[in-house]
Amino acid sequence: YAISPDGSEVAYYGRPEDGRKGLFVAHLDGTQVRLIADGQPTQCCPHQGSPGWSPDGTKIAYVSRSDGDRNSNIFVVDIESGETTQATFETVDVSGTQFTPDGSSIIYTAYWPDGYQVRIVPVTGGESSRLVGGHGSDASNAVLSPDGSLVSYACDTHGGLEYDLDADLCLANADGSDPRVIVPGGGSFGILTVSWSPDGSRLAFWRLLSGAYILDVATGEETRVANEAWPWWVDDHTLIIENFGPP
């Protein structure tokens, strides 16, 4: 799921009582649920298929498949008109969508055999380019900092992210330069999802089988905040956490 820029709505993949699968938008209190587009996250890695809002809140990028296409790609839907355009034309599955702060491009993960890559593509479609990952290393779940200067992502140089058991939390400049590990994963506690606080000072992340944490980027201090997963900032003081257990 993803919270709208003004914090009032949430976009998510789901299947309501009528059985339709697709991309939905609802108010943050769960009311005014509406289907925005047919489609669902990539089948290879559904936990990484988050939709992404444009900075002005008028568009949502999401992962789906065209009719007859074996691979997932990224589409962009205009919320008001419902018009949908295809942004990527990869020959491998993709997931994880985020607009750049100026709204001109989208970053995402492509699952190439030689290593998962974080890539960037113009929102109108066209040629994409690699930021980090690939060539024997993996990078996924990329999230740009609010000012667009940094990109955080799950990274692995230990032989693959297939089960996300060894994924570290990495940070690089937005152009992919100066990549470095800022939080090690390892063992059965690899790092999956990451999100930035609106003020850009902290990262919330999910450590597999361990819970949700907050990292102070300047000091490196970690704080465990919940047993559950998928932490997402609503504002600088509030997180939404997904609960896998009973309500």
C-alpha atoms as a PDB file:
ATOM      1  CA  TYR A   1       0.000   0.000   0.000  1.00  0.00           C
ATOM      2  CA  ALA A   2       1.009   3.662  -0.226  1.00  0.00           C
ATOM      3  CA  ILE A   3      -0.236   6.810   1.488  1.00  0.00           C
ATOM      4  CA  SER A   4      -1.229   9.809  -0.646  1.00  0.00           C
ATOM      5  CA  PRO A   5       1.000  12.914  -0.453  1.00  0.00           C
ATOM      6  CA  ASP A   6      -1.564  14.789   1.658  1.00  0.00           C
ATOM      7  CA  GLY A   7      -1.996  11.831   4.036  1.00  0.00           C
ATOM      8  CA  SER A   8      -5.734  11.515   3.445  1.00  0.00           C
ATOM      9  CA  GLU A   9      -5.938   8.374   1.284  1.00  0.00           C
ATOM     10  CA  VAL A  10      -4.296   4.998   0.826  1.00  0.00           C
ATOM     11  CA  ALA A  11      -3.725   3.101  -2.433  1.00  0.00           C
ATOM     12  CA  TYR A  12      -3.472  -0.679  -2.203  1.00  0.00           C
ATOM     13  CA  TYR A  13      -3.902  -3.942  -4.076  1.00  0.00           C
ATOM     14  CA  GLY A  14      -6.864  -5.992  -2.970  1.00  0.00           C
ATOM     15  CA  ARG A  15      -9.902  -8.094  -3.692  1.00  0.00           C
ATOM     16  CA  PRO A  16     -13.113  -6.951  -2.008  1.00  0.00           C
ATOM     17  CA  GLU A  17     -16.254  -8.993  -1.475  1.00  0.00           C
ATOM     18  CA  ASP A  18     -17.278  -8.824  -5.126  1.00  0.00           C
ATOM     19  CA  GLY A  19     -14.080 -10.686  -6.045  1.00  0.00           C
ATOM     20  CA  ARG A  20     -12.505  -8.106  -8.352  1.00  0.00           C
ATOM     21  CA  LYS A  21      -8.722  -7.894  -8.114  1.00  0.00           C
ATOM     22  CA  GLY A  22      -7.123  -4.551  -8.688  1.00  0.00           C
ATOM     23  CA  LEU A  23      -5.743  -1.273  -7.437  1.00  0.00           C
ATOM     24  CA  PHE A  24      -7.989   0.476  -4.931  1.00  0.00           C
ATOM     25  CA  VAL A  25      -8.000   3.857  -3.220  1.00  0.00           C
ATOM     26  CA  ALA A  26      -9.751   4.549   0.072  1.00  0.00           C
ATOM     27  CA  HIS A  27      -9.845   7.250   2.710  1.00  0.00           C
ATOM     28  CA  LEU A  28      -7.424   6.578   5.544  1.00  0.00           C
ATOM     29  CA  ASP A  29     -10.334   5.631   7.830  1.00  0.00           C
ATOM     30  CA  GLY A  30     -11.369   2.865   5.416  1.00  0.00           C
ATOM     31  CA  THR A  31     -14.326   4.653   3.837  1.00  0.00           C
ATOM     32  CA  GLN A  32     -14.918   5.660   0.201  1.00  0.00           C
ATOM     33  CA  VAL A  33     -13.277   2.545  -1.252  1.00  0.00           C
ATOM     34  CA  ARG A  34     -13.078   2.655  -5.048  1.00  0.00           C
ATOM     35  CA  LEU A  35     -11.463   0.583  -7.794  1.00  0.00           C
ATOM     36  CA  ILE A  36      -8.925   2.667  -9.713  1.00  0.00           C
ATOM     37  CA  ALA A  37      -7.436   0.090 -12.094  1.00  0.00           C
ATOM     38  CA  ASP A  38      -7.529  -3.627 -12.787  1.00  0.00           C
ATOM     39  CA  GLY A  39      -4.298  -5.448 -12.032  1.00  0.00           C
ATOM     40  CA  GLN A  40      -2.260  -6.786  -9.170  1.00  0.00           C
ATOM     41  CA  PRO A  41       1.357  -7.018  -7.971  1.00  0.00           C
ATOM     42  CA  THR A  42       3.863  -9.109  -9.864  1.00  0.00           C
ATOM     43  CA  GLN A  43       3.412 -12.796  -9.132  1.00  0.00           C
ATOM     44  CA  CYS A  44       7.117 -13.393  -8.537  1.00  0.00           C
ATOM     45  CA  CYS A  45       7.393 -11.125  -5.511  1.00  0.00           C
ATOM     46  CA  PRO A  46       3.974  -9.801  -4.461  1.00  0.00           C
ATOM     47  CA  HIS A  47       5.304  -8.264  -1.254  1.00  0.00           C
ATOM     48  CA  GLN A  48       7.318  -5.810  -3.364  1.00  0.00           C
ATOM     49  CA  GLY A  49       4.513  -4.571  -5.613  1.00  0.00           C
ATOM     50  CA  SER A  50       3.588  -1.338  -3.846  1.00  0.00           C
ATOM     51  CA  PRO A  51       1.736   1.333  -5.817  1.00  0.00           C
ATOM     52  CA  GLY A  52       3.227   4.825  -5.878  1.00  0.00           C
ATOM     53  CA  TRP A  53       1.575   8.274  -5.849  1.00  0.00           C
ATOM     54  CA  SER A  54       2.737  11.177  -7.961  1.00  0.00           C
ATOM     55  CA  PRO A  55       3.891  14.152  -5.833  1.00  0.00           C
ATOM     56  CA  ASP A  56       0.780  16.156  -6.752  1.00  0.00           C
ATOM     57  CA  GLY A  57      -1.524  13.242  -5.885  1.00  0.00           C
ATOM     58  CA  THR A  58      -3.164  13.089  -9.329  1.00  0.00           C
ATOM     59  CA  LYS A  59      -1.617   9.832 -10.607  1.00  0.00           C
ATOM     60  CA  ILE A  60      -0.697   6.398  -9.275  1.00  0.00           C
ATOM     61  CA  ALA A  61       1.934   4.077 -10.723  1.00  0.00           C
ATOM     62  CA  TYR A  62       1.194   0.385 -10.287  1.00  0.00           C
ATOM     63  CA  VAL A  63       2.357  -3.066 -11.414  1.00  0.00           C
ATOM     64  CA  SER A  64       0.242  -5.217 -13.721  1.00  0.00           C
ATOM     65  CA  ARG A  65       0.313  -7.296 -16.895  1.00  0.00           C
ATOM     66  CA  SER A  66      -1.013  -6.481 -20.347  1.00  0.00           C
ATOM     67  CA  ASP A  67      -3.209  -9.107 -21.977  1.00  0.00           C
ATOM     68  CA  GLY A  68      -1.007 -11.914 -23.228  1.00  0.00           C
ATOM     69  CA  ASP A  69       2.150 -10.522 -21.590  1.00  0.00           C
ATOM     70  CA  ARG A  70       4.128 -13.037 -19.539  1.00  0.00           C
ATOM     71  CA  ASN A  71       5.904 -10.311 -17.552  1.00  0.00           C
ATOM     72  CA  SER A  72       4.634  -7.581 -15.292  1.00  0.00           C
ATOM     73  CA  ASN A  73       5.281  -3.925 -16.083  1.00  0.00           C
ATOM     74  CA  ILE A  74       4.539  -0.505 -14.647  1.00  0.00           C
ATOM     75  CA  PHE A  75       1.445   1.440 -15.612  1.00  0.00           C
ATOM     76  CA  VAL A  76       0.346   4.937 -14.618  1.00  0.00           C
ATOM     77  CA  VAL A  77      -3.302   5.825 -14.058  1.00  0.00           C
ATOM     78  CA  ASP A  78      -4.738   9.342 -13.917  1.00  0.00           C
ATOM     79  CA  ILE A  79      -7.052   9.202 -10.911  1.00  0.00           C
ATOM     80  CA  GLU A  80      -9.587  11.733 -12.176  1.00  0.00           C
ATOM     81  CA  SER A  81      -9.891  10.586 -15.791  1.00  0.00           C
ATOM     82  CA  GLY A  82      -9.030   6.909 -15.328  1.00  0.00           C
ATOM     83  CA  GLU A  83      -6.698   7.063 -18.337  1.00  0.00           C
ATOM     84  CA  THR A  84      -3.896   4.492 -18.081  1.00  0.00           C
ATOM     85  CA  THR A  85      -0.518   4.482 -19.848  1.00  0.00           C
ATOM     86  CA  GLN A  86       2.302   1.909 -19.799  1.00  0.00           C
ATOM     87  CA  ALA A  87       5.646   3.227 -18.533  1.00  0.00           C
ATOM     88  CA  THR A  88       7.956   0.196 -18.743  1.00  0.00           C
ATOM     89  CA  PHE A  89       8.351  -2.527 -21.343  1.00  0.00           C
ATOM     90  CA  GLU A  90      10.696  -4.899 -19.526  1.00  0.00           C
ATOM     91  CA  THR A  91      11.150  -8.538 -20.546  1.00  0.00           C
ATOM     92  CA  VAL A  92      11.428  -9.555 -16.869  1.00  0.00           C
ATOM     93  CA  ASP A  93       9.066  -8.990 -13.946  1.00  0.00           C
ATOM     94  CA  VAL A  94       9.131  -5.656 -12.156  1.00  0.00           C
ATOM     95  CA  SER A  95       7.811  -4.310  -8.862  1.00  0.00           C
ATOM     96  CA  GLY A  96       7.972  -1.408  -6.459  1.00  0.00           C
ATOM     97  CA  THR A  97       7.018   1.999  -7.870  1.00  0.00           C
ATOM     98  CA  GLN A  98       7.967   5.488  -6.698  1.00  0.00           C
ATOM     99  CA  PHE A  99       7.828   8.829  -8.477  1.00  0.00           C
ATOM    100  CA  THR A 100      10.807  11.133  -8.282  1.00  0.00           C
ATOM    101  CA  PRO A 101      10.066  14.331  -6.288  1.00  0.00           C
ATOM    102  CA  ASP A 102       9.614  16.354  -9.489  1.00  0.00           C
ATOM    103  CA  GLY A 103       7.122  13.797 -10.836  1.00  0.00           C
ATOM    104  CA  SER A 104       9.045  13.253 -14.061  1.00  0.00           C
ATOM    105  CA  SER A 105      10.291   9.683 -13.532  1.00  0.00           C
ATOM    106  CA  ILE A 106       9.596   6.437 -11.666  1.00  0.00           C
ATOM    107  CA  ILE A 107      12.057   4.154  -9.903  1.00  0.00           C
ATOM    108  CA  TYR A 108      11.345   0.426  -9.644  1.00  0.00           C
ATOM    109  CA  THR A 109      12.888  -3.043  -9.300  1.00  0.00           C
ATOM    110  CA  ALA A 110      13.542  -5.307 -12.306  1.00  0.00           C
ATOM    111  CA  TYR A 111      14.282  -8.988 -11.643  1.00  0.00           C
ATOM    112  CA  TRP A 112      17.136  -9.661 -14.053  1.00  0.00           C
ATOM    113  CA  PRO A 113      18.849 -13.096 -13.862  1.00  0.00           C
ATOM    114  CA  ASP A 114      22.274 -11.564 -13.199  1.00  0.00           C
ATOM    115  CA  GLY A 115      20.930  -9.648 -10.197  1.00  0.00           C
ATOM    116  CA  TYR A 116      17.901  -7.587  -9.238  1.00  0.00           C
ATOM    117  CA  GLN A 117      18.254  -3.985 -10.404  1.00  0.00           C
ATOM    118  CA  VAL A 118      16.823  -0.671  -9.271  1.00  0.00           C
ATOM    119  CA  ARG A 119      16.003   1.236 -12.452  1.00  0.00           C
ATOM    120  CA  ILE A 120      14.513   4.598 -13.428  1.00  0.00           C
ATOM    121  CA  VAL A 121      12.174   5.401 -16.339  1.00  0.00           C
ATOM    122  CA  PRO A 122      10.393   8.577 -17.526  1.00  0.00           C
ATOM    123  CA  VAL A 123       6.791   8.629 -16.326  1.00  0.00           C
ATOM    124  CA  THR A 124       5.678   8.999 -19.946  1.00  0.00           C
ATOM    125  CA  GLY A 125       7.540   5.811 -20.866  1.00  0.00           C
ATOM    126  CA  GLY A 126      10.696   5.309 -22.871  1.00  0.00           C
ATOM    127  CA  GLU A 127      14.185   4.032 -22.219  1.00  0.00           C
ATOM    128  CA  SER A 128      14.998   3.063 -18.638  1.00  0.00           C
ATOM    129  CA  SER A 129      18.421   3.056 -16.988  1.00  0.00           C
ATOM    130  CA  ARG A 130      20.021   1.157 -14.104  1.00  0.00           C
ATOM    131  CA  LEU A 131      20.746   2.923 -10.811  1.00  0.00           C
ATOM    132  CA  VAL A 132      22.059   0.126  -8.571  1.00  0.00           C
ATOM    133  CA  GLY A 133      22.173  -3.678  -8.507  1.00  0.00           C
ATOM    134  CA  GLY A 134      22.753  -6.271 -11.195  1.00  0.00           C
ATOM    135  CA  HIS A 135      26.110  -7.639 -12.361  1.00  0.00           C
ATOM    136  CA  GLY A 136      26.181 -10.217  -9.571  1.00  0.00           C
ATOM    137  CA  SER A 137      24.567  -8.162  -6.803  1.00  0.00           C
ATOM    138  CA  ASP A 138      20.920  -7.524  -5.916  1.00  0.00           C
ATOM    139  CA  ALA A 139      19.049  -4.318  -5.171  1.00  0.00           C
ATOM    140  CA  SER A 140      15.305  -3.937  -4.601  1.00  0.00           C
ATOM    141  CA  ASN A 141      12.627  -2.009  -2.671  1.00  0.00           C
ATOM    142  CA  ALA A 142      14.212   1.336  -3.528  1.00  0.00           C
ATOM    143  CA  VAL A 143      12.836   4.525  -1.971  1.00  0.00           C
ATOM    144  CA  LEU A 144      14.009   8.061  -2.710  1.00  0.00           C
ATOM    145  CA  SER A 145      14.522  10.509   0.135  1.00  0.00           C
ATOM    146  CA  PRO A 146      11.974  13.355   0.237  1.00  0.00           C
ATOM    147  CA  ASP A 147      14.429  15.808  -1.325  1.00  0.00           C
ATOM    148  CA  GLY A 148      15.379  13.296  -4.016  1.00  0.00           C
ATOM    149  CA  SER A 149      19.089  13.335  -3.195  1.00  0.00           C
ATOM    150  CA  LEU A 150      19.426   9.787  -1.807  1.00  0.00           C
ATOM    151  CA  VAL A 151      18.004   6.359  -2.540  1.00  0.00           C
ATOM    152  CA  SER A 152      17.641   3.641   0.103  1.00  0.00           C
ATOM    153  CA  TYR A 153      17.180   0.022  -0.896  1.00  0.00           C
ATOM    154  CA  ALA A 154      17.527  -3.603   0.162  1.00  0.00           C
ATOM    155  CA  CYS A 155      20.871  -4.898  -1.093  1.00  0.00           C
ATOM    156  CA  ASP A 156      22.641  -8.251  -1.186  1.00  0.00           C
ATOM    157  CA  THR A 157      26.046  -9.286  -2.447  1.00  0.00           C
ATOM    158  CA  HIS A 158      25.882 -12.753  -0.836  1.00  0.00           C
ATOM    159  CA  GLY A 159      24.242 -14.710  -3.616  1.00  0.00           C
ATOM    160  CA  GLY A 160      20.699 -13.448  -4.109  1.00  0.00           C
ATOM    161  CA  LEU A 161      17.581 -12.024  -2.529  1.00  0.00           C
ATOM    162  CA  GLU A 162      15.348 -14.967  -3.407  1.00  0.00           C
ATOM    163  CA  TYR A 163      14.242 -15.358   0.189  1.00  0.00           C
ATOM    164  CA  ASP A 164      15.478 -12.008   1.477  1.00  0.00           C
ATOM    165  CA  LEU A 165      17.347 -13.704   4.324  1.00  0.00           C
ATOM    166  CA  ASP A 166      20.607 -11.824   3.913  1.00  0.00           C
ATOM    167  CA  ALA A 167      19.431  -8.458   2.605  1.00  0.00           C
ATOM    168  CA  ASP A 168      21.151  -5.397   4.061  1.00  0.00           C
ATOM    169  CA  LEU A 169      19.842  -1.840   4.065  1.00  0.00           C
ATOM    170  CA  CYS A 170      21.883   0.257   1.662  1.00  0.00           C
ATOM    171  CA  LEU A 171      22.052   3.923   0.761  1.00  0.00           C
ATOM    172  CA  ALA A 172      23.357   5.624  -2.382  1.00  0.00           C
ATOM    173  CA  ASN A 173      23.198   8.962  -4.095  1.00  0.00           C
ATOM    174  CA  ALA A 174      20.137   9.331  -6.315  1.00  0.00           C
ATOM    175  CA  ASP A 175      22.227   8.703  -9.426  1.00  0.00           C
ATOM    176  CA  GLY A 176      23.415   5.369  -7.982  1.00  0.00           C
ATOM    177  CA  SER A 177      26.880   6.567  -6.979  1.00  0.00           C
ATOM    178  CA  ASP A 178      28.537   5.935  -3.606  1.00  0.00           C
ATOM    179  CA  PRO A 179      26.502   2.849  -2.600  1.00  0.00           C
ATOM    180  CA  ARG A 180      27.074   1.681   0.999  1.00  0.00           C
ATOM    181  CA  VAL A 181      25.537  -0.585   3.653  1.00  0.00           C
ATOM    182  CA  ILE A 182      24.010   1.376   6.531  1.00  0.00           C
ATOM    183  CA  VAL A 183      22.206  -1.472   8.364  1.00  0.00           C
ATOM    184  CA  PRO A 184      23.389  -5.093   8.013  1.00  0.00           C
ATOM    185  CA  GLY A 185      20.809  -7.845   7.701  1.00  0.00           C
ATOM    186  CA  GLY A 186      22.193 -11.354   7.771  1.00  0.00           C
ATOM    187  CA  GLY A 187      21.028 -14.735   8.980  1.00  0.00           C
ATOM    188  CA  SER A 188      17.233 -14.981   8.930  1.00  0.00           C
ATOM    189  CA  PHE A 189      16.737 -11.288   9.579  1.00  0.00           C
ATOM    190  CA  GLY A 190      17.103  -9.716   6.149  1.00  0.00           C
ATOM    191  CA  ILE A 191      15.691  -6.253   5.553  1.00  0.00           C
ATOM    192  CA  LEU A 192      12.673  -5.946   3.279  1.00  0.00           C
ATOM    193  CA  THR A 193      10.607  -2.761   3.015  1.00  0.00           C
ATOM    194  CA  VAL A 194      11.921   0.739   3.690  1.00  0.00           C
ATOM    195  CA  SER A 195      10.241   4.148   3.900  1.00  0.00           C
ATOM    196  CA  TRP A 196      11.518   7.660   4.640  1.00  0.00           C
ATOM    197  CA  SER A 197      10.015  10.015   7.194  1.00  0.00           C
ATOM    198  CA  PRO A 198       8.607  13.140   5.495  1.00  0.00           C
ATOM    199  CA  ASP A 199      11.375  15.300   6.971  1.00  0.00           C
ATOM    200  CA  GLY A 200      14.047  12.944   5.591  1.00  0.00           C
ATOM    201  CA  SER A 201      15.740  12.381   8.939  1.00  0.00           C
ATOM    202  CA  ARG A 202      14.694   8.755   9.582  1.00  0.00           C
ATOM    203  CA  LEU A 203      14.101   5.473   7.784  1.00  0.00           C
ATOM    204  CA  ALA A 204      11.486   2.927   8.856  1.00  0.00           C
ATOM    205  CA  PHE A 205      12.200  -0.635   7.772  1.00  0.00           C
ATOM    206  CA  TRP A 206      11.006  -4.191   8.291  1.00  0.00           C
ATOM    207  CA  ARG A 207      13.586  -6.712   9.465  1.00  0.00           C
ATOM    208  CA  LEU A 208      12.333 -10.173   8.510  1.00  0.00           C
ATOM    209  CA  LEU A 209      11.083 -12.248  11.504  1.00  0.00           C
ATOM    210  CA  SER A 210      12.080  -9.449  13.863  1.00  0.00           C
ATOM    211  CA  GLY A 211       9.725  -6.489  13.416  1.00  0.00           C
ATOM    212  CA  ALA A 212       9.621  -2.850  12.374  1.00  0.00           C
ATOM    213  CA  TYR A 213      12.478  -0.467  13.157  1.00  0.00           C
ATOM    214  CA  ILE A 214      13.303   3.212  12.811  1.00  0.00           C
ATOM    215  CA  LEU A 215      16.805   4.351  11.877  1.00  0.00           C
ATOM    216  CA  ASP A 216      18.105   7.849  12.592  1.00  0.00           C
ATOM    217  CA  VAL A 217      20.060   8.498   9.379  1.00  0.00           C
ATOM    218  CA  ALA A 218      22.450  11.033  10.950  1.00  0.00           C
ATOM    219  CA  THR A 219      23.384   9.039  14.064  1.00  0.00           C
ATOM    220  CA  GLY A 220      22.784   5.445  12.899  1.00  0.00           C
ATOM    221  CA  GLU A 221      20.695   4.724  16.006  1.00  0.00           C
ATOM    222  CA  GLU A 222      18.077   1.978  15.566  1.00  0.00           C
ATOM    223  CA  THR A 223      14.809   1.713  17.506  1.00  0.00           C
ATOM    224  CA  ARG A 224      12.470  -1.272  17.324  1.00  0.00           C
ATOM    225  CA  VAL A 225       8.899   0.027  17.280  1.00  0.00           C
ATOM    226  CA  ALA A 226       6.592  -2.935  16.518  1.00  0.00           C
ATOM    227  CA  ASN A 227       6.379  -6.704  16.038  1.00  0.00           C
ATOM    228  CA  GLU A 228       4.519  -6.289  12.748  1.00  0.00           C
ATOM    229  CA  ALA A 229       5.741  -5.515   9.251  1.00  0.00           C
ATOM    230  CA  TRP A 230       5.514  -2.992   6.386  1.00  0.00           C
ATOM    231  CA  PRO A 231       6.020   0.308   8.279  1.00  0.00           C
ATOM    232  CA  TRP A 232       4.907   3.340   6.279  1.00  0.00           C
ATOM    233  CA  TRP A 233       5.042   6.984   7.419  1.00  0.00           C
ATOM    234  CA  VAL A 234       1.813   8.982   7.546  1.00  0.00           C
ATOM    235  CA  ASP A 235       3.598  12.022   8.983  1.00  0.00           C
ATOM    236  CA  ASP A 236       6.790  12.643  10.959  1.00  0.00           C
ATOM    237  CA  HIS A 237       5.207  11.193  14.097  1.00  0.00           C
ATOM    238  CA  THR A 238       2.961   8.371  12.826  1.00  0.00           C
ATOM    239  CA  LEU A 239       3.511   5.016  11.110  1.00  0.00           C
ATOM    240  CA  ILE A 240       1.016   2.608   9.567  1.00  0.00           C
ATOM    241  CA  ILE A 241       1.977  -0.996  10.312  1.00  0.00           C
ATOM    242  CA  GLU A 242       0.545  -4.087   8.612  1.00  0.00           C
ATOM    243  CA  ASN A 243      -0.579  -6.837  10.986  1.00  0.00           C
ATOM    244  CA  PHE A 244      -0.265 -10.429   9.708  1.00  0.00           C
ATOM    245  CA  GLY A 245      -2.063 -11.924  12.676  1.00  0.00           C
ATOM    246  CA  PRO A 246      -5.731 -11.914  13.742  1.00  0.00           C
ATOM    247  CA  PRO A 247      -7.386  -8.493  14.169  1.00  0.00           C
END
